[in-house]
N, C-alpha and C. Protein backbone atom coordinates (compact mmCIF):
# COMPACT_ATOMS: atom_id res chain seq x y z
N MET A 1 110.02 3.52 154.57
CA MET A 1 109.86 3.43 153.41
C MET A 1 111.38 3.44 152.74
N THR A 2 111.83 2.28 152.06
CA THR A 2 113.15 2.33 151.43
C THR A 2 113.25 2.92 150.01
N ALA A 3 114.61 3.30 149.73
CA ALA A 3 114.67 4.00 148.37
C ALA A 3 114.30 3.29 147.48
N PHE A 4 114.50 1.83 147.49
CA PHE A 4 114.01 1.09 146.39
C PHE A 4 112.44 1.22 146.27
N TYR A 5 111.71 1.26 147.29
CA TYR A 5 110.26 1.30 147.34
C TYR A 5 110.02 2.51 146.51
N LEU A 6 110.27 3.67 147.13
CA LEU A 6 110.22 4.93 146.70
C LEU A 6 110.48 5.28 145.27
N LEU A 7 111.59 4.90 144.83
CA LEU A 7 111.67 4.74 143.40
C LEU A 7 110.63 3.92 142.52
N ASP A 8 110.34 2.73 142.93
CA ASP A 8 109.02 2.09 142.03
C ASP A 8 107.90 2.75 142.19
N ILE A 9 107.53 3.45 143.15
CA ILE A 9 106.39 4.39 143.07
C ILE A 9 106.39 5.38 142.41
N ILE A 10 107.75 5.74 142.25
CA ILE A 10 108.06 7.31 141.31
C ILE A 10 107.96 6.79 139.74
N GLY A 11 108.36 5.63 139.55
CA GLY A 11 108.35 4.97 138.17
C GLY A 11 106.84 4.73 137.91
N THR A 12 106.22 4.26 138.74
CA THR A 12 104.67 3.87 138.33
C THR A 12 103.97 5.07 138.24
N ILE A 13 104.32 6.25 138.99
CA ILE A 13 103.53 7.44 138.50
C ILE A 13 103.86 8.10 137.26
N ALA A 14 105.26 8.13 137.00
CA ALA A 14 106.14 8.65 135.84
C ALA A 14 105.14 7.65 134.63
N PHE A 15 105.07 6.67 134.47
CA PHE A 15 104.55 5.73 133.37
C PHE A 15 102.98 5.75 133.30
N ALA A 16 102.42 5.97 134.51
CA ALA A 16 100.94 6.04 134.57
C ALA A 16 100.74 7.63 133.73
N MET A 17 101.50 8.66 134.09
CA MET A 17 101.17 10.05 133.55
C MET A 17 101.75 9.56 132.05
N SER A 18 102.50 9.00 131.57
CA SER A 18 102.88 9.09 130.12
C SER A 18 101.78 8.10 129.43
N GLY A 19 101.33 7.26 130.02
CA GLY A 19 100.28 6.42 129.36
C GLY A 19 99.03 7.48 129.26
N ALA A 20 98.57 8.15 130.40
CA ALA A 20 97.48 8.96 130.22
C ALA A 20 97.60 10.04 129.05
N LEU A 21 98.88 10.58 128.82
CA LEU A 21 99.00 11.66 127.96
C LEU A 21 98.90 10.99 126.63
N VAL A 22 99.12 9.99 126.38
CA VAL A 22 99.12 9.19 125.10
C VAL A 22 97.67 8.92 124.58
N ALA A 23 96.98 8.37 125.70
CA ALA A 23 95.55 8.07 125.68
C ALA A 23 94.68 9.32 125.40
N MET A 24 94.95 10.36 125.87
CA MET A 24 94.25 11.78 125.82
C MET A 24 94.63 12.28 124.36
N ASN A 25 95.89 12.06 123.72
CA ASN A 25 96.17 12.33 122.61
C ASN A 25 95.35 11.74 121.61
N LYS A 26 95.12 10.54 121.95
CA LYS A 26 94.11 9.56 120.97
C LYS A 26 92.85 9.60 121.16
N ARG A 27 92.44 10.82 122.14
CA ARG A 27 90.90 11.34 122.42
C ARG A 27 90.19 10.11 122.96
N MET A 28 90.77 9.46 123.78
CA MET A 28 90.09 8.35 124.50
C MET A 28 89.22 9.12 125.62
N ASP A 29 88.06 8.08 125.98
CA ASP A 29 87.42 8.86 127.22
C ASP A 29 87.94 8.42 128.48
N PRO A 30 87.58 8.78 129.63
CA PRO A 30 88.10 8.76 131.04
C PRO A 30 88.39 7.31 131.28
N PHE A 31 87.64 6.28 130.90
CA PHE A 31 87.96 4.97 131.27
C PHE A 31 89.21 4.57 130.38
N GLY A 32 89.09 5.06 129.11
CA GLY A 32 90.07 4.50 128.28
C GLY A 32 91.64 4.99 128.57
N VAL A 33 91.48 6.38 129.11
CA VAL A 33 92.91 6.92 129.58
C VAL A 33 93.20 6.01 130.89
N PHE A 34 92.35 5.76 131.79
CA PHE A 34 92.87 5.15 133.00
C PHE A 34 93.42 3.73 132.38
N ILE A 35 92.87 2.90 131.69
CA ILE A 35 93.27 1.59 131.38
C ILE A 35 94.69 1.69 130.68
N ILE A 36 94.91 2.87 129.74
CA ILE A 36 96.22 2.78 129.22
C ILE A 36 97.32 3.22 130.25
N ALA A 37 96.68 4.17 131.18
CA ALA A 37 97.72 4.60 132.05
C ALA A 37 98.13 3.32 133.10
N PHE A 38 96.93 2.52 133.27
CA PHE A 38 97.29 1.19 134.10
C PHE A 38 98.46 0.49 133.57
N VAL A 39 98.04 -0.03 132.24
CA VAL A 39 98.71 -1.08 131.83
C VAL A 39 100.22 -0.40 131.49
N THR A 40 100.50 0.69 131.37
CA THR A 40 101.78 1.28 131.16
C THR A 40 102.54 1.38 132.39
N ALA A 41 101.93 1.56 133.46
CA ALA A 41 102.51 1.62 134.55
C ALA A 41 102.73 0.28 135.45
N VAL A 42 102.13 -0.72 135.01
CA VAL A 42 102.08 -2.08 135.78
C VAL A 42 102.59 -3.33 134.66
N GLY A 43 102.70 -2.87 133.43
CA GLY A 43 102.86 -3.89 132.42
C GLY A 43 104.40 -4.44 132.69
N GLY A 44 105.48 -3.59 132.71
CA GLY A 44 106.82 -4.33 132.92
C GLY A 44 107.03 -4.94 134.24
N GLY A 45 106.40 -4.23 135.24
CA GLY A 45 106.44 -4.75 136.41
C GLY A 45 105.65 -6.38 136.89
N THR A 46 104.68 -6.43 135.98
CA THR A 46 103.82 -7.44 136.15
C THR A 46 104.70 -8.62 135.38
N MET A 47 105.19 -8.21 134.24
CA MET A 47 106.05 -9.24 133.43
C MET A 47 107.33 -9.82 134.34
N ARG A 48 107.82 -8.71 134.83
CA ARG A 48 109.03 -8.84 135.60
C ARG A 48 108.76 -10.03 136.81
N ASP A 49 107.60 -9.69 137.66
CA ASP A 49 107.13 -10.58 138.63
C ASP A 49 106.76 -12.10 138.28
N ILE A 50 106.04 -12.24 136.91
CA ILE A 50 105.82 -13.48 136.52
C ILE A 50 107.05 -14.26 136.06
N LEU A 51 107.87 -13.51 135.44
CA LEU A 51 109.25 -14.44 134.88
C LEU A 51 109.95 -14.78 136.02
N THR A 52 110.08 -14.07 137.46
CA THR A 52 110.87 -14.30 138.47
C THR A 52 110.09 -15.00 139.35
N GLY A 53 108.81 -15.35 139.27
CA GLY A 53 107.94 -16.20 140.26
C GLY A 53 107.71 -15.55 141.39
N ARG A 54 107.54 -14.18 141.47
CA ARG A 54 107.23 -13.19 142.58
C ARG A 54 105.70 -12.99 142.53
N LEU A 55 104.97 -14.11 142.91
CA LEU A 55 103.44 -13.96 142.78
C LEU A 55 102.79 -14.02 144.16
N PRO A 56 101.62 -13.42 144.33
CA PRO A 56 100.83 -12.42 143.29
C PRO A 56 101.96 -11.44 143.01
N VAL A 57 101.62 -10.78 141.83
CA VAL A 57 102.56 -9.67 141.34
C VAL A 57 102.43 -8.51 142.31
N ILE A 58 103.24 -7.55 142.42
CA ILE A 58 103.57 -6.70 143.26
C ILE A 58 102.26 -5.62 143.45
N TRP A 59 101.53 -5.27 142.41
CA TRP A 59 100.58 -4.50 142.47
C TRP A 59 99.35 -4.92 143.27
N MET A 60 99.15 -6.10 143.10
CA MET A 60 98.16 -6.97 143.65
C MET A 60 98.55 -6.96 145.30
N GLN A 61 99.57 -7.04 145.59
CA GLN A 61 99.95 -7.24 147.09
C GLN A 61 99.95 -5.84 147.82
N ASP A 62 100.13 -4.80 146.91
CA ASP A 62 100.37 -3.33 147.68
C ASP A 62 99.48 -2.41 147.02
N ILE A 63 98.34 -2.00 147.93
CA ILE A 63 97.45 -0.99 147.16
C ILE A 63 97.96 0.25 146.81
N ASN A 64 99.12 0.60 147.39
CA ASN A 64 99.53 2.02 147.28
C ASN A 64 100.03 2.25 145.66
N TYR A 65 100.20 1.13 145.02
CA TYR A 65 100.37 1.39 143.43
C TYR A 65 99.14 1.60 142.72
N ILE A 66 97.92 1.02 143.13
CA ILE A 66 96.78 1.42 142.43
C ILE A 66 96.45 2.90 142.83
N TYR A 67 96.66 3.09 144.18
CA TYR A 67 96.47 4.62 144.41
C TYR A 67 97.33 5.72 143.43
N ALA A 68 98.81 5.21 143.37
CA ALA A 68 99.48 6.15 142.60
C ALA A 68 99.07 6.13 141.16
N ILE A 69 98.45 5.32 140.59
CA ILE A 69 98.32 5.10 139.02
C ILE A 69 97.03 5.85 139.31
N ILE A 70 95.81 5.77 139.93
CA ILE A 70 94.70 6.64 139.84
C ILE A 70 94.92 8.12 140.26
N GLY A 71 95.77 8.40 141.34
CA GLY A 71 96.12 9.79 141.32
C GLY A 71 96.96 10.38 140.21
N ALA A 72 97.91 9.63 139.75
CA ALA A 72 98.78 10.32 138.75
C ALA A 72 97.70 10.47 137.35
N THR A 73 96.79 9.64 137.20
CA THR A 73 95.84 9.67 135.92
C THR A 73 94.86 10.87 136.14
N ILE A 74 94.35 11.08 137.18
CA ILE A 74 93.38 12.20 137.55
C ILE A 74 94.22 13.48 137.69
N ILE A 75 95.54 13.53 138.04
CA ILE A 75 96.23 14.88 137.80
C ILE A 75 96.58 15.18 136.47
N THR A 76 96.84 14.05 135.73
CA THR A 76 97.16 14.34 134.34
C THR A 76 95.99 14.91 133.71
N ILE A 77 94.80 14.49 133.95
CA ILE A 77 93.57 14.81 133.26
C ILE A 77 93.25 16.10 133.60
N ILE A 78 93.02 16.47 134.78
CA ILE A 78 93.07 17.93 135.40
C ILE A 78 93.77 18.82 134.77
N PHE A 79 95.35 18.63 134.93
CA PHE A 79 95.97 19.67 134.12
C PHE A 79 96.52 19.35 132.74
N ARG A 80 95.49 18.73 132.03
CA ARG A 80 95.52 18.45 130.47
C ARG A 80 96.06 19.64 129.59
N LYS A 81 95.61 20.81 130.11
CA LYS A 81 95.54 22.12 129.24
C LYS A 81 96.94 22.62 129.60
N LYS A 82 97.25 22.48 130.78
CA LYS A 82 98.88 23.01 131.09
C LYS A 82 99.71 22.16 130.49
N LEU A 83 99.32 20.90 130.14
CA LEU A 83 100.42 19.88 129.47
C LEU A 83 100.20 19.89 127.90
N ARG A 84 99.77 21.09 127.32
CA ARG A 84 99.69 21.19 126.05
C ARG A 84 100.73 20.90 125.17
N PHE A 85 101.99 20.87 125.46
CA PHE A 85 103.18 20.47 124.91
C PHE A 85 103.22 19.12 125.33
N TRP A 86 102.14 18.20 124.97
CA TRP A 86 102.18 16.79 125.56
C TRP A 86 103.51 16.03 124.89
N SER A 87 103.89 16.21 123.81
CA SER A 87 104.80 15.32 123.24
C SER A 87 106.21 15.31 124.26
N LYS A 88 106.43 16.60 124.61
CA LYS A 88 107.57 17.04 125.42
C LYS A 88 107.31 16.24 126.92
N THR A 89 106.17 16.72 127.40
CA THR A 89 105.87 16.01 128.80
C THR A 89 105.74 14.66 128.66
N PHE A 90 105.22 14.05 127.81
CA PHE A 90 105.08 12.40 127.46
C PHE A 90 106.82 12.02 127.53
N PHE A 91 107.52 12.67 126.93
CA PHE A 91 108.88 12.12 126.64
C PHE A 91 109.57 12.24 128.04
N LEU A 92 109.44 13.36 128.84
CA LEU A 92 109.91 13.42 130.31
C LEU A 92 109.36 12.17 131.10
N PHE A 93 108.12 12.16 131.11
CA PHE A 93 107.69 11.19 132.09
C PHE A 93 108.11 9.67 131.91
N ASP A 94 107.90 9.75 130.45
CA ASP A 94 108.22 8.08 129.72
C ASP A 94 109.86 7.94 130.39
N THR A 95 110.81 8.98 130.12
CA THR A 95 112.26 8.86 130.47
C THR A 95 112.42 8.44 131.95
N ILE A 96 111.63 9.18 132.59
CA ILE A 96 111.72 9.08 134.19
C ILE A 96 111.52 7.59 134.39
N GLY A 97 110.37 7.20 133.75
CA GLY A 97 110.04 5.89 133.97
C GLY A 97 110.85 4.57 133.61
N ILE A 98 111.45 4.83 132.50
CA ILE A 98 112.41 3.92 132.13
C ILE A 98 113.64 3.76 132.96
N GLY A 99 113.99 4.93 133.45
CA GLY A 99 115.40 5.20 134.22
C GLY A 99 115.07 4.24 135.56
N VAL A 100 113.93 4.53 136.26
CA VAL A 100 113.70 4.06 137.45
C VAL A 100 113.38 2.49 137.24
N PHE A 101 112.63 2.18 136.38
CA PHE A 101 112.29 0.46 136.14
C PHE A 101 113.39 -0.21 135.58
N THR A 102 114.33 0.24 135.04
CA THR A 102 115.51 -0.41 134.55
C THR A 102 116.12 -0.98 135.86
N ILE A 103 116.43 0.01 136.67
CA ILE A 103 117.36 -0.37 138.04
C ILE A 103 116.34 -1.36 138.96
N MET A 104 115.09 -1.10 138.82
CA MET A 104 114.28 -1.81 139.75
C MET A 104 114.17 -3.28 139.19
N GLY A 105 114.24 -3.67 138.02
CA GLY A 105 114.18 -4.95 137.39
C GLY A 105 115.65 -5.63 137.44
N THR A 106 116.62 -4.70 137.14
CA THR A 106 117.91 -5.16 137.33
C THR A 106 118.26 -5.75 138.76
N GLU A 107 118.00 -4.92 139.78
CA GLU A 107 118.21 -5.36 141.34
C GLU A 107 117.41 -6.51 141.44
N ILE A 108 116.21 -6.65 141.14
CA ILE A 108 115.48 -8.01 141.18
C ILE A 108 116.22 -9.01 140.83
N GLY A 109 116.72 -9.15 139.54
CA GLY A 109 117.34 -10.13 139.18
C GLY A 109 118.76 -10.35 139.73
N VAL A 110 119.44 -9.31 140.18
CA VAL A 110 120.71 -9.83 141.05
C VAL A 110 120.33 -10.56 142.38
N LYS A 111 119.14 -9.86 142.93
CA LYS A 111 118.86 -10.52 144.39
C LYS A 111 118.39 -12.06 144.03
N ALA A 112 118.03 -12.31 142.74
CA ALA A 112 117.16 -13.60 142.64
C ALA A 112 118.71 -14.52 142.17
N GLY A 113 119.83 -13.91 142.06
CA GLY A 113 120.91 -14.72 141.79
C GLY A 113 120.99 -15.06 140.30
N PHE A 114 120.41 -14.25 139.36
CA PHE A 114 120.45 -14.60 138.05
C PHE A 114 121.92 -14.12 137.40
N HIS A 115 122.30 -14.48 136.33
CA HIS A 115 123.45 -14.17 135.47
C HIS A 115 123.54 -12.64 135.04
N PRO A 116 124.38 -12.00 135.12
CA PRO A 116 124.46 -10.79 135.02
C PRO A 116 123.72 -10.33 133.66
N MET A 117 123.87 -11.07 132.74
CA MET A 117 123.21 -10.70 131.50
C MET A 117 121.92 -10.93 131.59
N ILE A 118 121.14 -11.81 132.45
CA ILE A 118 119.81 -12.18 132.55
C ILE A 118 119.50 -10.79 133.31
N SER A 119 120.01 -10.34 134.28
CA SER A 119 119.69 -9.40 135.18
C SER A 119 119.44 -8.13 134.25
N ILE A 120 120.49 -7.70 133.35
CA ILE A 120 120.40 -6.59 132.50
C ILE A 120 119.07 -6.93 131.56
N ALA A 121 118.73 -8.09 130.97
CA ALA A 121 117.63 -8.20 130.42
C ALA A 121 116.47 -8.22 131.01
N LEU A 122 116.43 -8.63 132.21
CA LEU A 122 115.17 -8.36 132.89
C LEU A 122 114.87 -6.88 133.17
N GLY A 123 116.16 -6.15 133.71
CA GLY A 123 115.75 -4.49 133.83
C GLY A 123 115.40 -4.06 132.69
N THR A 124 115.94 -4.42 131.48
CA THR A 124 115.47 -3.60 130.17
C THR A 124 113.90 -4.07 129.89
N MET A 125 113.74 -5.14 130.10
CA MET A 125 112.37 -5.62 129.85
C MET A 125 111.11 -4.92 130.88
N THR A 126 111.76 -4.88 132.09
CA THR A 126 110.72 -4.19 133.13
C THR A 126 110.58 -2.87 132.72
N ALA A 127 111.51 -2.16 132.06
CA ALA A 127 111.40 -0.83 131.66
C ALA A 127 110.65 -0.42 130.39
N CYS A 128 110.56 -1.48 129.39
CA CYS A 128 110.06 -1.28 128.25
C CYS A 128 108.76 -2.00 127.86
N PHE A 129 108.50 -2.94 128.78
CA PHE A 129 107.13 -3.63 128.45
C PHE A 129 105.96 -2.96 128.49
N GLY A 130 105.87 -2.15 129.53
CA GLY A 130 104.71 -1.29 129.61
C GLY A 130 104.50 -0.32 128.56
N GLY A 131 105.61 0.24 128.12
CA GLY A 131 105.58 1.09 127.06
C GLY A 131 105.10 0.40 125.71
N VAL A 132 105.71 -0.68 125.66
CA VAL A 132 105.37 -1.44 124.49
C VAL A 132 103.79 -1.82 124.40
N THR A 133 103.31 -2.14 125.37
CA THR A 133 101.92 -2.44 125.76
C THR A 133 101.01 -1.31 125.50
N ARG A 134 101.38 -0.08 125.83
CA ARG A 134 100.73 1.14 125.80
C ARG A 134 100.82 1.40 124.37
N ASP A 135 101.96 1.49 123.62
CA ASP A 135 101.77 1.71 122.13
C ASP A 135 101.07 0.79 121.09
N ILE A 136 101.19 -0.45 121.52
CA ILE A 136 100.27 -1.34 120.73
C ILE A 136 98.89 -1.21 120.93
N LEU A 137 98.36 -1.07 122.25
CA LEU A 137 96.92 -0.70 122.46
C LEU A 137 96.36 0.52 121.86
N CYS A 138 97.35 1.77 121.52
CA CYS A 138 97.10 2.94 120.76
C CYS A 138 97.37 2.85 119.45
N ASN A 139 97.70 1.90 118.83
CA ASN A 139 97.81 1.46 117.56
C ASN A 139 99.11 2.36 117.01
N ASP A 140 100.20 2.15 117.93
CA ASP A 140 101.34 2.94 117.30
C ASP A 140 102.48 1.80 117.28
N ILE A 141 103.48 2.14 116.61
CA ILE A 141 104.49 1.29 116.47
C ILE A 141 105.37 1.57 117.69
N PRO A 142 105.81 0.41 118.62
CA PRO A 142 106.30 0.84 119.98
C PRO A 142 107.72 1.59 119.84
N ILE A 143 107.98 2.28 120.82
CA ILE A 143 109.28 3.25 120.60
C ILE A 143 110.39 2.44 120.64
N ILE A 144 110.34 1.25 121.43
CA ILE A 144 111.55 0.47 121.54
C ILE A 144 112.06 -0.08 119.82
N PHE A 145 111.14 -0.22 119.07
CA PHE A 145 111.37 -0.89 117.84
C PHE A 145 111.61 0.11 116.75
N ARG A 146 111.43 1.58 117.07
CA ARG A 146 112.03 2.60 116.28
C ARG A 146 113.24 2.75 116.41
N LYS A 147 113.97 3.85 115.51
CA LYS A 147 115.27 4.15 115.46
C LYS A 147 115.79 4.74 116.90
N GLU A 148 114.85 5.28 117.78
CA GLU A 148 115.29 6.03 118.91
C GLU A 148 116.28 5.23 119.82
N ILE A 149 117.15 5.70 120.60
CA ILE A 149 118.03 5.16 121.67
C ILE A 149 117.02 5.12 122.94
N TYR A 150 116.47 3.96 122.98
CA TYR A 150 115.60 3.76 124.12
C TYR A 150 115.98 2.37 124.90
N ALA A 151 115.86 1.19 124.46
CA ALA A 151 116.44 0.29 124.98
C ALA A 151 118.03 -0.01 125.42
N ILE A 152 118.62 0.76 124.50
CA ILE A 152 120.15 0.94 124.63
C ILE A 152 120.56 1.75 125.94
N ALA A 153 119.58 2.76 126.22
CA ALA A 153 119.77 3.62 127.33
C ALA A 153 119.60 2.60 128.49
N CYS A 154 118.53 1.72 128.57
CA CYS A 154 118.36 0.74 129.68
C CYS A 154 119.46 -0.07 129.88
N ILE A 155 120.06 -0.51 128.97
CA ILE A 155 121.17 -1.53 128.86
C ILE A 155 122.47 -0.80 129.53
N ILE A 156 122.86 0.43 129.05
CA ILE A 156 123.90 1.21 129.63
C ILE A 156 123.49 1.26 131.11
N GLY A 157 122.34 1.80 131.53
CA GLY A 157 122.14 1.87 132.79
C GLY A 157 122.40 0.61 133.75
N ALA A 158 121.69 -0.42 133.25
CA ALA A 158 121.76 -1.73 134.02
C ALA A 158 123.26 -2.11 134.29
N ILE A 159 124.07 -2.01 133.03
CA ILE A 159 125.63 -2.51 132.98
C ILE A 159 126.29 -1.63 134.29
N THR A 160 125.77 -0.27 134.25
CA THR A 160 126.36 0.61 135.34
C THR A 160 126.16 0.23 136.62
N PHE A 161 124.87 -0.36 136.67
CA PHE A 161 124.25 -0.51 138.10
C PHE A 161 125.11 -2.03 138.62
N LEU A 162 125.28 -2.86 137.68
CA LEU A 162 126.09 -4.21 138.25
C LEU A 162 127.40 -3.77 138.47
N ILE A 163 127.84 -2.47 137.82
CA ILE A 163 129.47 -2.41 138.15
C ILE A 163 129.36 -1.56 139.49
N LEU A 164 128.38 -0.50 139.50
CA LEU A 164 128.72 0.13 140.76
C LEU A 164 128.18 -0.48 142.18
N GLN A 165 127.53 -1.48 141.87
CA GLN A 165 127.06 -2.23 143.30
C GLN A 165 128.21 -2.86 143.97
N ASN A 166 129.23 -3.10 143.34
CA ASN A 166 130.21 -3.76 143.74
C ASN A 166 131.30 -2.77 144.14
N LEU A 167 131.23 -1.37 143.83
CA LEU A 167 132.30 -0.53 144.08
C LEU A 167 131.92 0.33 145.19
N VAL A 168 130.58 0.78 145.08
CA VAL A 168 129.98 1.72 146.28
C VAL A 168 129.17 1.11 147.07
N SER A 169 129.37 1.34 148.34
CA SER A 169 128.66 0.76 149.43
C SER A 169 127.34 1.31 149.76
N ASN A 170 126.99 2.46 149.43
CA ASN A 170 125.86 3.27 149.68
C ASN A 170 124.88 2.89 148.52
N VAL A 171 123.90 1.91 148.81
CA VAL A 171 123.05 1.23 148.02
C VAL A 171 122.08 2.48 147.12
N ASN A 172 121.83 3.41 148.19
CA ASN A 172 120.75 4.41 147.65
C ASN A 172 121.41 5.41 146.68
N LEU A 173 122.68 5.63 147.04
CA LEU A 173 123.20 6.43 145.87
C LEU A 173 123.61 5.59 144.64
N VAL A 174 123.73 4.43 144.76
CA VAL A 174 123.92 3.52 143.40
C VAL A 174 122.45 3.54 142.46
N TYR A 175 121.38 3.33 143.52
CA TYR A 175 120.05 3.49 142.82
C TYR A 175 119.92 5.02 141.97
N ILE A 176 120.11 6.00 142.68
CA ILE A 176 120.03 7.41 142.07
C ILE A 176 120.87 7.60 140.87
N GLU A 177 122.33 7.23 141.00
CA GLU A 177 123.23 7.43 140.05
C GLU A 177 123.00 6.66 138.82
N THR A 178 122.50 5.61 138.80
CA THR A 178 122.19 4.56 137.60
C THR A 178 120.82 4.85 137.19
N THR A 179 120.14 5.21 137.88
CA THR A 179 118.67 5.93 137.42
C THR A 179 118.90 7.12 136.50
N LEU A 180 119.97 8.01 137.12
CA LEU A 180 120.08 9.35 136.26
C LEU A 180 120.80 8.84 134.98
N ILE A 181 121.67 8.02 135.06
CA ILE A 181 122.48 7.67 133.82
C ILE A 181 121.43 7.33 132.73
N VAL A 182 120.65 6.47 132.97
CA VAL A 182 119.42 6.26 132.03
C VAL A 182 118.66 7.37 131.37
N ILE A 183 118.34 8.09 132.38
CA ILE A 183 117.55 9.24 131.93
C ILE A 183 118.43 10.26 130.99
N ILE A 184 119.83 10.51 131.51
CA ILE A 184 120.55 11.36 130.99
C ILE A 184 121.09 10.77 129.52
N VAL A 185 121.29 9.37 129.37
CA VAL A 185 121.59 8.92 128.05
C VAL A 185 120.46 9.19 127.08
N ARG A 186 119.33 9.01 127.46
CA ARG A 186 118.01 9.04 126.66
C ARG A 186 117.85 10.60 126.37
N LEU A 187 118.06 11.31 127.41
CA LEU A 187 117.85 12.69 126.89
C LEU A 187 119.02 13.33 125.94
N LEU A 188 120.33 12.69 126.11
CA LEU A 188 121.35 13.22 125.25
C LEU A 188 121.16 12.73 123.90
N ALA A 189 120.58 11.37 123.81
CA ALA A 189 120.45 10.73 122.45
C ALA A 189 119.36 11.46 121.64
N VAL A 190 118.09 11.91 122.41
CA VAL A 190 117.21 12.79 121.63
C VAL A 190 117.82 14.27 121.11
N TYR A 191 118.55 14.82 122.37
CA TYR A 191 119.02 16.14 121.99
C TYR A 191 119.76 16.18 120.67
N PHE A 192 120.79 15.20 120.74
CA PHE A 192 121.82 15.30 119.68
C PHE A 192 121.31 14.50 118.41
N LYS A 193 120.23 14.14 118.50
CA LYS A 193 119.47 12.98 117.66
C LYS A 193 120.35 11.72 117.10
N PHE A 194 120.95 11.23 117.92
CA PHE A 194 121.47 9.77 117.91
C PHE A 194 120.43 8.84 117.79
N SER A 195 120.72 7.94 116.95
CA SER A 195 119.70 6.80 116.69
C SER A 195 120.46 5.74 115.93
N LEU A 196 119.62 4.57 115.95
CA LEU A 196 120.26 3.43 115.55
C LEU A 196 119.69 3.38 114.10
N PRO A 197 120.47 2.59 113.15
CA PRO A 197 120.16 2.66 111.59
C PRO A 197 118.75 1.74 111.33
N ALA A 198 117.98 2.29 110.67
CA ALA A 198 116.89 1.68 110.20
C ALA A 198 116.97 0.59 109.12
N PHE A 199 116.60 -0.53 109.32
CA PHE A 199 116.75 -1.65 107.99
C PHE A 199 115.22 -1.54 107.39
N TYR A 200 115.50 -1.64 106.10
CA TYR A 200 114.10 -2.01 105.20
C TYR A 200 114.49 -2.93 103.97
N SER A 201 113.63 -3.36 103.46
CA SER A 201 113.65 -4.42 102.16
C SER A 201 113.28 -3.42 100.93
N ASN A 202 113.96 -3.68 100.08
CA ASN A 202 113.46 -3.14 98.71
C ASN A 202 112.76 -4.21 97.74
N THR A 203 112.48 -5.29 98.39
CA THR A 203 112.01 -6.26 97.39
C THR A 203 110.53 -6.10 97.36
N THR A 204 109.96 -6.53 96.21
CA THR A 204 108.64 -6.21 95.88
C THR A 204 107.91 -7.58 95.67
N SER A 205 106.84 -7.63 95.78
CA SER A 205 106.02 -9.09 95.33
C SER A 205 105.35 -9.02 94.13
């Protein structure tokens, strides 16, 4: 099992748990919880694979991704009472998910020979699209479209990955370091309440 594969599974589990937590907060039934967990976990990776022509998409080729999603959903449901501080727990799993998936998407872009800017965009979309799908299905404004530092953290991590891969020979160390950078940037932004300005119009009809 490579570090790349292990990180991908970890990201899948983290996003599945974040999706399940949101679905339970919306008081969905078990089927609804699983569906939201599933689309959150595979949404970004599916779009990434379609855009890069890696078909069939990864979760259709490797049943371990499905097992990971099912297991993460069941665990989240079973321990839902212990996860009563769901907002903090959701934030943690969602942050881990974007950290892992940013680097996965960026790495795939690099291996495909894309321009660095395209690789950064691919990594950011891989990290964010599952959460966007989750929020839309749950009738929420996606986090990426709010003031929170979300996609910016992904972009910083992706840029760092592109720099370090040319400076550090240990690729596993690069994966871990850049994933942690995304997570730390997101945690610090929330802790210190950093945010982007919000724009609105005063026009009336």
